[in-house]
């Protein structure tokens, strides 16, 4: 099983389940992270060259929190927001 950082969404909001496959082997899997609803801090007017990890570091004090910004903006991946001029920013937790 993969190892996650202690502040990972998978550590905080998912569970490890165990089942048995057709060959009788025990298989461990991770459930999807059930995330709480994010609250919006406000809108950020994006400038050229600004990446989500930079915005995450600035607003959330977390370099790897870019997924929270993507999620609040209904983006399946951070790349979807590449050309967005305004980006919703979540409240820091």
PDB file of N, CA and C in Angstrom:
ATOM      1  N   UNK A   1       0.867  -1.174   0.000  1.00  0.00           N
ATOM      2  CA  UNK A   1       0.000   0.000   0.000  1.00  0.00           C
ATOM      3  C   UNK A   1       0.909   1.231   0.000  1.00  0.00           C
ATOM      4  N   UNK A   2       0.498   2.226  -0.733  1.00  0.00           N
ATOM      5  CA  UNK A   2       1.264   3.460  -0.843  1.00  0.00           C
ATOM      6  C   UNK A   2       1.312   4.193   0.489  1.00  0.00           C
ATOM      7  N   UNK A   3       2.324   4.996   0.643  1.00  0.00           N
ATOM      8  CA  UNK A   3       2.457   5.820   1.833  1.00  0.00           C
ATOM      9  C   UNK A   3       2.095   7.256   1.463  1.00  0.00           C
ATOM     10  N   UNK A   4       1.287   7.883   2.307  1.00  0.00           N
ATOM     11  CA  UNK A   4       0.844   9.246   2.056  1.00  0.00           C
ATOM     12  C   UNK A   4       1.391  10.168   3.130  1.00  0.00           C
ATOM     13  N   UNK A   5       1.534  11.441   2.775  1.00  0.00           N
ATOM     14  CA  UNK A   5       1.924  12.454   3.752  1.00  0.00           C
ATOM     15  C   UNK A   5       0.837  12.542   4.819  1.00  0.00           C
ATOM     16  N   UNK A   6       1.215  12.960   6.025  1.00  0.00           N
ATOM     17  CA  UNK A   6       0.247  13.007   7.129  1.00  0.00           C
ATOM     18  C   UNK A   6      -0.903  13.974   6.887  1.00  0.00           C
ATOM     19  N   UNK A   7      -0.707  14.995   6.032  1.00  0.00           N
ATOM     20  CA  UNK A   7      -1.782  15.946   5.755  1.00  0.00           C
ATOM     21  C   UNK A   7      -2.505  15.626   4.445  1.00  0.00           C
ATOM     22  N   UNK A   8      -2.287  14.431   3.907  1.00  0.00           N
ATOM     23  CA  UNK A   8      -2.924  14.017   2.666  1.00  0.00           C
ATOM     24  C   UNK A   8      -4.430  13.855   2.840  1.00  0.00           C
ATOM     25  N   UNK A   9      -5.183  14.167   1.800  1.00  0.00           N
ATOM     26  CA  UNK A   9      -6.636  13.975   1.835  1.00  0.00           C
ATOM     27  C   UNK A   9      -6.989  12.500   1.998  1.00  0.00           C
ATOM     28  N   UNK A  10      -6.110  11.615   1.558  1.00  0.00           N
ATOM     29  CA  UNK A  10      -6.380  10.184   1.673  1.00  0.00           C
ATOM     30  C   UNK A  10      -6.182   9.688   3.104  1.00  0.00           C
ATOM     31  N   UNK A  11      -5.249  10.280   3.819  1.00  0.00           N
ATOM     32  CA  UNK A  11      -5.045   9.919   5.224  1.00  0.00           C
ATOM     33  C   UNK A  11      -6.210  10.427   6.067  1.00  0.00           C
ATOM     34  N   UNK A  12      -6.646  11.642   5.779  1.00  0.00           N
ATOM     35  CA  UNK A  12      -7.684  12.276   6.590  1.00  0.00           C
ATOM     36  C   UNK A  12      -9.103  11.811   6.258  1.00  0.00           C
ATOM     37  N   UNK A  13      -9.388  11.535   4.974  1.00  0.00           N
ATOM     38  CA  UNK A  13     -10.780  11.363   4.569  1.00  0.00           C
ATOM     39  C   UNK A  13     -11.100  10.053   3.841  1.00  0.00           C
ATOM     40  N   UNK A  14     -10.234   9.061   3.907  1.00  0.00           N
ATOM     41  CA  UNK A  14     -10.567   7.775   3.295  1.00  0.00           C
ATOM     42  C   UNK A  14     -10.161   6.640   4.224  1.00  0.00           C
ATOM     43  N   UNK A  15     -10.544   5.453   3.846  1.00  0.00           N
ATOM     44  CA  UNK A  15     -10.280   4.281   4.675  1.00  0.00           C
ATOM     45  C   UNK A  15      -9.660   3.182   3.821  1.00  0.00           C
ATOM     46  N   UNK A  16      -8.922   2.305   4.470  1.00  0.00           N
ATOM     47  CA  UNK A  16      -8.379   1.131   3.800  1.00  0.00           C
ATOM     48  C   UNK A  16      -9.369  -0.011   4.010  1.00  0.00           C
ATOM     49  N   UNK A  17      -9.758  -0.628   2.920  1.00  0.00           N
ATOM     50  CA  UNK A  17     -10.659  -1.779   3.004  1.00  0.00           C
ATOM     51  C   UNK A  17      -9.920  -3.023   2.534  1.00  0.00           C
ATOM     52  N   UNK A  18     -10.371  -4.155   2.988  1.00  0.00           N
ATOM     53  CA  UNK A  18      -9.757  -5.421   2.614  1.00  0.00           C
ATOM     54  C   UNK A  18     -10.824  -6.342   2.047  1.00  0.00           C
ATOM     55  N   UNK A  19     -10.492  -7.007   0.961  1.00  0.00           N
ATOM     56  CA  UNK A  19     -11.400  -7.998   0.390  1.00  0.00           C
ATOM     57  C   UNK A  19     -10.562  -9.155  -0.151  1.00  0.00           C
ATOM     58  N   UNK A  20     -11.221 -10.174  -0.611  1.00  0.00           N
ATOM     59  CA  UNK A  20     -10.542 -11.354  -1.135  1.00  0.00           C
ATOM     60  C   UNK A  20     -10.873 -11.470  -2.615  1.00  0.00           C
ATOM     61  N   UNK A  21      -9.837 -11.648  -3.451  1.00  0.00           N
ATOM     62  CA  UNK A  21     -10.088 -11.770  -4.889  1.00  0.00           C
ATOM     63  C   UNK A  21     -10.467 -13.206  -5.250  1.00  0.00           C
ATOM     64  N   UNK A  22     -10.689 -13.474  -6.529  1.00  0.00           N
ATOM     65  CA  UNK A  22     -11.141 -14.790  -6.988  1.00  0.00           C
ATOM     66  C   UNK A  22     -10.136 -15.905  -6.707  1.00  0.00           C
ATOM     67  N   UNK A  23      -8.886 -15.539  -6.567  1.00  0.00           N
ATOM     68  CA  UNK A  23      -7.854 -16.546  -6.299  1.00  0.00           C
ATOM     69  C   UNK A  23      -7.599 -16.736  -4.809  1.00  0.00           C
ATOM     70  N   UNK A  24      -8.412 -16.076  -3.991  1.00  0.00           N
ATOM     71  CA  UNK A  24      -8.293 -16.233  -2.547  1.00  0.00           C
ATOM     72  C   UNK A  24      -7.262 -15.332  -1.894  1.00  0.00           C
ATOM     73  N   UNK A  25      -6.703 -14.394  -2.644  1.00  0.00           N
ATOM     74  CA  UNK A  25      -5.700 -13.484  -2.083  1.00  0.00           C
ATOM     75  C   UNK A  25      -6.383 -12.307  -1.406  1.00  0.00           C
ATOM     76  N   UNK A  26      -5.802 -11.856  -0.324  1.00  0.00           N
ATOM     77  CA  UNK A  26      -6.316 -10.673   0.366  1.00  0.00           C
ATOM     78  C   UNK A  26      -5.809  -9.431  -0.363  1.00  0.00           C
ATOM     79  N   UNK A  27      -6.734  -8.559  -0.706  1.00  0.00           N
ATOM     80  CA  UNK A  27      -6.403  -7.346  -1.451  1.00  0.00           C
ATOM     81  C   UNK A  27      -6.846  -6.142  -0.636  1.00  0.00           C
ATOM     82  N   UNK A  28      -5.932  -5.188  -0.473  1.00  0.00           N
ATOM     83  CA  UNK A  28      -6.257  -3.955   0.241  1.00  0.00           C
ATOM     84  C   UNK A  28      -6.474  -2.838  -0.769  1.00  0.00           C
ATOM     85  N   UNK A  29      -7.465  -2.004  -0.501  1.00  0.00           N
ATOM     86  CA  UNK A  29      -7.782  -0.883  -1.389  1.00  0.00           C
ATOM     87  C   UNK A  29      -8.134   0.337  -0.551  1.00  0.00           C
ATOM     88  N   UNK A  30      -7.997   1.476  -1.167  1.00  0.00           N
ATOM     89  CA  UNK A  30      -8.305   2.743  -0.509  1.00  0.00           C
ATOM     90  C   UNK A  30      -9.617   3.279  -1.054  1.00  0.00           C
ATOM     91  N   UNK A  31     -10.527   3.639  -0.170  1.00  0.00           N
ATOM     92  CA  UNK A  31     -11.797   4.210  -0.616  1.00  0.00           C
ATOM     93  C   UNK A  31     -11.555   5.638  -1.117  1.00  0.00           C
ATOM     94  N   UNK A  32     -12.436   6.154  -1.954  1.00  0.00           N
ATOM     95  CA  UNK A  32     -12.299   7.550  -2.375  1.00  0.00           C
ATOM     96  C   UNK A  32     -12.374   8.475  -1.153  1.00  0.00           C
ATOM     97  N   UNK A  33     -11.643   9.560  -1.212  1.00  0.00           N
ATOM     98  CA  UNK A  33     -11.655  10.525  -0.115  1.00  0.00           C
ATOM     99  C   UNK A  33     -12.995  11.246  -0.084  1.00  0.00           C
ATOM    100  N   UNK A  34     -13.703  11.144   1.034  1.00  0.00           N
ATOM    101  CA  UNK A  34     -14.979  11.845   1.227  1.00  0.00           C
ATOM    102  C   UNK A  34     -14.660  13.194   1.861  1.00  0.00           C
ATOM    103  N   UNK A  35     -14.550  14.200   1.016  1.00  0.00           N
ATOM    104  CA  UNK A  35     -14.098  15.510   1.471  1.00  0.00           C
ATOM    105  C   UNK A  35     -15.244  16.376   1.955  1.00  0.00           C
ATOM    106  N   UNK A  36     -14.996  17.147   3.017  1.00  0.00           N
ATOM    107  CA  UNK A  36     -16.025  18.089   3.464  1.00  0.00           C
ATOM    108  C   UNK A  36     -16.182  19.213   2.438  1.00  0.00           C
ATOM    109  N   UNK A  37     -17.335  19.850   2.444  1.00  0.00           N
ATOM    110  CA  UNK A  37     -17.587  20.961   1.531  1.00  0.00           C
ATOM    111  C   UNK A  37     -16.624  22.107   1.840  1.00  0.00           C
ATOM    112  N   UNK A  38     -15.974  22.624   0.816  1.00  0.00           N
ATOM    113  CA  UNK A  38     -15.015  23.709   0.998  1.00  0.00           C
ATOM    114  C   UNK A  38     -15.739  25.057   1.025  1.00  0.00           C
ATOM    115  N   UNK A  39     -15.255  25.956   1.862  1.00  0.00           N
ATOM    116  CA  UNK A  39     -15.782  27.317   1.904  1.00  0.00           C
ATOM    117  C   UNK A  39     -14.868  28.209   1.079  1.00  0.00           C
ATOM    118  N   UNK A  40     -15.463  29.164   0.399  1.00  0.00           N
ATOM    119  CA  UNK A  40     -14.706  30.048  -0.479  1.00  0.00           C
ATOM    120  C   UNK A  40     -14.202  31.282   0.269  1.00  0.00           C
ATOM    121  N   UNK A  41     -12.909  31.546   0.146  1.00  0.00           N
ATOM    122  CA  UNK A  41     -12.304  32.747   0.711  1.00  0.00           C
ATOM    123  C   UNK A  41     -12.596  33.941  -0.191  1.00  0.00           C
ATOM    124  N   UNK A  42     -12.477  33.730  -1.498  1.00  0.00           N
ATOM    125  CA  UNK A  42     -12.714  34.799  -2.458  1.00  0.00           C
ATOM    126  C   UNK A  42     -12.171  34.414  -3.819  1.00  0.00           C
ATOM    127  N   UNK A  43     -12.104  35.403  -4.709  1.00  0.00           N
ATOM    128  CA  UNK A  43     -11.601  35.184  -6.062  1.00  0.00           C
ATOM    129  C   UNK A  43     -10.201  35.754  -6.200  1.00  0.00           C
ATOM    130  N   UNK A  44      -9.366  35.053  -6.934  1.00  0.00           N
ATOM    131  CA  UNK A  44      -8.013  35.527  -7.238  1.00  0.00           C
ATOM    132  C   UNK A  44      -7.959  35.877  -8.718  1.00  0.00           C
ATOM    133  N   UNK A  45      -7.506  37.094  -9.036  1.00  0.00           N
ATOM    134  CA  UNK A  45      -7.299  37.504 -10.422  1.00  0.00           C
ATOM    135  C   UNK A  45      -5.923  36.977 -10.833  1.00  0.00           C
ATOM    136  N   UNK A  46      -5.920  36.010 -11.691  1.00  0.00           N
ATOM    137  CA  UNK A  46      -4.681  35.334 -12.059  1.00  0.00           C
ATOM    138  C   UNK A  46      -3.852  36.166 -13.033  1.00  0.00           C
ATOM    139  N   UNK A  47      -2.543  36.148 -12.814  1.00  0.00           N
ATOM    140  CA  UNK A  47      -1.589  36.811 -13.698  1.00  0.00           C
ATOM    141  C   UNK A  47      -0.839  35.741 -14.482  1.00  0.00           C
ATOM    142  N   UNK A  48      -0.235  36.142 -15.578  1.00  0.00           N
ATOM    143  CA  UNK A  48       0.536  35.194 -16.395  1.00  0.00           C
ATOM    144  C   UNK A  48       1.624  34.539 -15.555  1.00  0.00           C
ATOM    145  N   UNK A  49       1.757  33.238 -15.717  1.00  0.00           N
ATOM    146  CA  UNK A  49       2.812  32.499 -15.032  1.00  0.00           C
ATOM    147  C   UNK A  49       2.447  31.980 -13.654  1.00  0.00           C
ATOM    148  N   UNK A  50       1.315  32.362 -13.111  1.00  0.00           N
ATOM    149  CA  UNK A  50       0.921  31.881 -11.787  1.00  0.00           C
ATOM    150  C   UNK A  50       0.370  30.467 -11.898  1.00  0.00           C
ATOM    151  N   UNK A  51       0.948  29.583 -11.104  1.00  0.00           N
ATOM    152  CA  UNK A  51       0.502  28.190 -11.086  1.00  0.00           C
ATOM    153  C   UNK A  51      -0.282  27.931  -9.804  1.00  0.00           C
ATOM    154  N   UNK A  52      -1.076  26.862  -9.846  1.00  0.00           N
ATOM    155  CA  UNK A  52      -1.903  26.549  -8.676  1.00  0.00           C
ATOM    156  C   UNK A  52      -1.071  26.207  -7.449  1.00  0.00           C
ATOM    157  N   UNK A  53       0.093  25.589  -7.627  1.00  0.00           N
ATOM    158  CA  UNK A  53       0.911  25.291  -6.455  1.00  0.00           C
ATOM    159  C   UNK A  53       1.440  26.570  -5.819  1.00  0.00           C
ATOM    160  N   UNK A  54       1.690  27.607  -6.622  1.00  0.00           N
ATOM    161  CA  UNK A  54       2.115  28.898  -6.067  1.00  0.00           C
ATOM    162  C   UNK A  54       0.970  29.540  -5.286  1.00  0.00           C
ATOM    163  N   UNK A  55      -0.237  29.500  -5.878  1.00  0.00           N
ATOM    164  CA  UNK A  55      -1.401  30.071  -5.196  1.00  0.00           C
ATOM    165  C   UNK A  55      -1.720  29.298  -3.924  1.00  0.00           C
ATOM    166  N   UNK A  56      -1.579  27.998  -3.979  1.00  0.00           N
ATOM    167  CA  UNK A  56      -1.816  27.161  -2.811  1.00  0.00           C
ATOM    168  C   UNK A  56      -0.827  27.485  -1.700  1.00  0.00           C
ATOM    169  N   UNK A  57       0.412  27.665  -2.068  1.00  0.00           N
ATOM    170  CA  UNK A  57       1.427  28.011  -1.078  1.00  0.00           C
ATOM    171  C   UNK A  57       1.114  29.358  -0.426  1.00  0.00           C
ATOM    172  N   UNK A  58       0.705  30.328  -1.236  1.00  0.00           N
ATOM    173  CA  UNK A  58       0.423  31.671  -0.734  1.00  0.00           C
ATOM    174  C   UNK A  58      -0.842  31.703   0.132  1.00  0.00           C
ATOM    175  N   UNK A  59      -1.944  31.197  -0.393  1.00  0.00           N
ATOM    176  CA  UNK A  59      -3.230  31.306   0.303  1.00  0.00           C
ATOM    177  C   UNK A  59      -3.449  30.230   1.365  1.00  0.00           C
ATOM    178  N   UNK A  60      -2.970  29.023   1.103  1.00  0.00           N
ATOM    179  CA  UNK A  60      -3.271  27.909   1.999  1.00  0.00           C
ATOM    180  C   UNK A  60      -2.079  27.492   2.847  1.00  0.00           C
ATOM    181  N   UNK A  61      -0.907  28.098   2.577  1.00  0.00           N
ATOM    182  CA  UNK A  61       0.332  27.735   3.268  1.00  0.00           C
ATOM    183  C   UNK A  61       0.616  26.237   3.102  1.00  0.00           C
ATOM    184  N   UNK A  62       0.356  25.752   1.893  1.00  0.00           N
ATOM    185  CA  UNK A  62       0.494  24.330   1.615  1.00  0.00           C
ATOM    186  C   UNK A  62       0.798  24.158   0.119  1.00  0.00           C
ATOM    187  N   UNK A  63       2.050  23.821  -0.216  1.00  0.00           N
ATOM    188  CA  UNK A  63       2.445  23.658  -1.617  1.00  0.00           C
ATOM    189  C   UNK A  63       1.626  22.593  -2.332  1.00  0.00           C
ATOM    190  N   UNK A  64       1.248  21.546  -1.625  1.00  0.00           N
ATOM    191  CA  UNK A  64       0.549  20.428  -2.250  1.00  0.00           C
ATOM    192  C   UNK A  64      -0.972  20.552  -2.145  1.00  0.00           C
ATOM    193  N   UNK A  65      -1.481  21.701  -1.773  1.00  0.00           N
ATOM    194  CA  UNK A  65      -2.918  21.896  -1.631  1.00  0.00           C
ATOM    195  C   UNK A  65      -3.600  22.382  -2.897  1.00  0.00           C
ATOM    196  N   UNK A  66      -2.883  22.350  -4.019  1.00  0.00           N
ATOM    197  CA  UNK A  66      -3.459  22.820  -5.282  1.00  0.00           C
ATOM    198  C   UNK A  66      -4.742  22.068  -5.642  1.00  0.00           C
ATOM    199  N   UNK A  67      -4.844  20.821  -5.219  1.00  0.00           N
ATOM    200  CA  UNK A  67      -6.040  20.024  -5.516  1.00  0.00           C
ATOM    201  C   UNK A  67      -7.277  20.631  -4.851  1.00  0.00           C
ATOM    202  N   UNK A  68      -7.098  21.323  -3.708  1.00  0.00           N
ATOM    203  CA  UNK A  68      -8.228  21.969  -3.041  1.00  0.00           C
ATOM    204  C   UNK A  68      -8.766  23.115  -3.889  1.00  0.00           C
ATOM    205  N   UNK A  69      -7.857  23.856  -4.533  1.00  0.00           N
ATOM    206  CA  UNK A  69      -8.269  24.948  -5.414  1.00  0.00           C
ATOM    207  C   UNK A  69      -8.979  24.372  -6.632  1.00  0.00           C
ATOM    208  N   UNK A  70      -8.418  23.324  -7.211  1.00  0.00           N
ATOM    209  CA  UNK A  70      -9.035  22.685  -8.380  1.00  0.00           C
ATOM    210  C   UNK A  70     -10.432  22.170  -8.032  1.00  0.00           C
ATOM    211  N   UNK A  71     -10.571  21.543  -6.892  1.00  0.00           N
ATOM    212  CA  UNK A  71     -11.860  20.983  -6.474  1.00  0.00           C
ATOM    213  C   UNK A  71     -12.914  22.083  -6.297  1.00  0.00           C
ATOM    214  N   UNK A  72     -12.537  23.188  -5.645  1.00  0.00           N
ATOM    215  CA  UNK A  72     -13.486  24.285  -5.432  1.00  0.00           C
ATOM    216  C   UNK A  72     -13.940  24.896  -6.754  1.00  0.00           C
ATOM    217  N   UNK A  73     -13.078  24.826  -7.765  1.00  0.00           N
ATOM    218  CA  UNK A  73     -13.400  25.373  -9.080  1.00  0.00           C
ATOM    219  C   UNK A  73     -14.000  24.326 -10.017  1.00  0.00           C
ATOM    220  N   UNK A  74     -14.433  23.206  -9.453  1.00  0.00           N
ATOM    221  CA  UNK A  74     -15.052  22.115 -10.225  1.00  0.00           C
ATOM    222  C   UNK A  74     -14.179  21.640 -11.377  1.00  0.00           C
ATOM    223  N   UNK A  75     -12.871  21.588 -11.145  1.00  0.00           N
ATOM    224  CA  UNK A  75     -11.931  21.116 -12.154  1.00  0.00           C
ATOM    225  C   UNK A  75     -11.461  19.710 -11.777  1.00  0.00           C
ATOM    226  N   UNK A  76     -11.591  18.777 -12.704  1.00  0.00           N
ATOM    227  CA  UNK A  76     -11.169  17.400 -12.438  1.00  0.00           C
ATOM    228  C   UNK A  76      -9.655  17.295 -12.280  1.00  0.00           C
ATOM    229  N   UNK A  77      -8.919  18.193 -12.922  1.00  0.00           N
ATOM    230  CA  UNK A  77      -7.464  18.227 -12.772  1.00  0.00           C
ATOM    231  C   UNK A  77      -7.022  19.685 -12.784  1.00  0.00           C
ATOM    232  N   UNK A  78      -5.875  19.977 -12.196  1.00  0.00           N
ATOM    233  CA  UNK A  78      -5.388  21.360 -12.164  1.00  0.00           C
ATOM    234  C   UNK A  78      -5.168  21.947 -13.555  1.00  0.00           C
ATOM    235  N   UNK A  79      -4.865  21.103 -14.538  1.00  0.00           N
ATOM    236  CA  UNK A  79      -4.613  21.583 -15.898  1.00  0.00           C
ATOM    237  C   UNK A  79      -5.831  22.267 -16.518  1.00  0.00           C
ATOM    238  N   UNK A  80      -7.016  21.920 -16.057  1.00  0.00           N
ATOM    239  CA  UNK A  80      -8.242  22.518 -16.588  1.00  0.00           C
ATOM    240  C   UNK A  80      -8.266  24.019 -16.310  1.00  0.00           C
ATOM    241  N   UNK A  81      -7.598  24.450 -15.261  1.00  0.00           N
ATOM    242  CA  UNK A  81      -7.624  25.865 -14.865  1.00  0.00           C
ATOM    243  C   UNK A  81      -6.474  26.681 -15.460  1.00  0.00           C
ATOM    244  N   UNK A  82      -5.729  26.096 -16.376  1.00  0.00           N
ATOM    245  CA  UNK A  82      -4.555  26.766 -16.944  1.00  0.00           C
ATOM    246  C   UNK A  82      -4.877  28.142 -17.514  1.00  0.00           C
ATOM    247  N   UNK A  83      -5.995  28.267 -18.206  1.00  0.00           N
ATOM    248  CA  UNK A  83      -6.343  29.531 -18.854  1.00  0.00           C
ATOM    249  C   UNK A  83      -7.370  30.358 -18.087  1.00  0.00           C
ATOM    250  N   UNK A  84      -7.752  29.909 -16.910  1.00  0.00           N
ATOM    251  CA  UNK A  84      -8.751  30.640 -16.124  1.00  0.00           C
ATOM    252  C   UNK A  84      -8.170  31.963 -15.630  1.00  0.00           C
ATOM    253  N   UNK A  85      -8.919  33.030 -15.777  1.00  0.00           N
ATOM    254  CA  UNK A  85      -8.460  34.355 -15.336  1.00  0.00           C
ATOM    255  C   UNK A  85      -8.842  34.620 -13.886  1.00  0.00           C
ATOM    256  N   UNK A  86      -9.950  34.065 -13.437  1.00  0.00           N
ATOM    257  CA  UNK A  86     -10.371  34.187 -12.044  1.00  0.00           C
ATOM    258  C   UNK A  86     -10.456  32.790 -11.453  1.00  0.00           C
ATOM    259  N   UNK A  87      -9.921  32.656 -10.263  1.00  0.00           N
ATOM    260  CA  UNK A  87      -9.910  31.354  -9.606  1.00  0.00           C
ATOM    261  C   UNK A  87     -10.450  31.513  -8.186  1.00  0.00           C
ATOM    262  N   UNK A  88     -11.413  30.664  -7.845  1.00  0.00           N
ATOM    263  CA  UNK A  88     -11.932  30.658  -6.474  1.00  0.00           C
ATOM    264  C   UNK A  88     -10.865  30.080  -5.561  1.00  0.00           C
ATOM    265  N   UNK A  89     -10.694  30.701  -4.409  1.00  0.00           N
ATOM    266  CA  UNK A  89      -9.718  30.250  -3.413  1.00  0.00           C
ATOM    267  C   UNK A  89     -10.454  29.770  -2.171  1.00  0.00           C
ATOM    268  N   UNK A  90     -10.115  28.554  -1.689  1.00  0.00           N
ATOM    269  CA  UNK A  90     -10.775  28.046  -0.477  1.00  0.00           C
ATOM    270  C   UNK A  90     -10.184  28.666   0.787  1.00  0.00           C
ATOM    271  N   UNK A  91     -10.949  28.614   1.850  1.00  0.00           N
ATOM    272  CA  UNK A  91     -10.499  29.075   3.150  1.00  0.00           C
ATOM    273  C   UNK A  91      -9.423  28.132   3.664  1.00  0.00           C
ATOM    274  N   UNK A  92      -8.417  28.686   4.279  1.00  0.00           N
ATOM    275  CA  UNK A  92      -7.345  27.861   4.867  1.00  0.00           C
ATOM    276  C   UNK A  92      -7.891  27.106   6.060  1.00  0.00           C
ATOM    277  N   UNK A  93      -7.509  25.853   6.203  1.00  0.00           N
ATOM    278  CA  UNK A  93      -7.933  25.048   7.363  1.00  0.00           C
ATOM    279  C   UNK A  93      -6.843  24.955   8.374  1.00  0.00           C
TER     280      UNK A  93
END
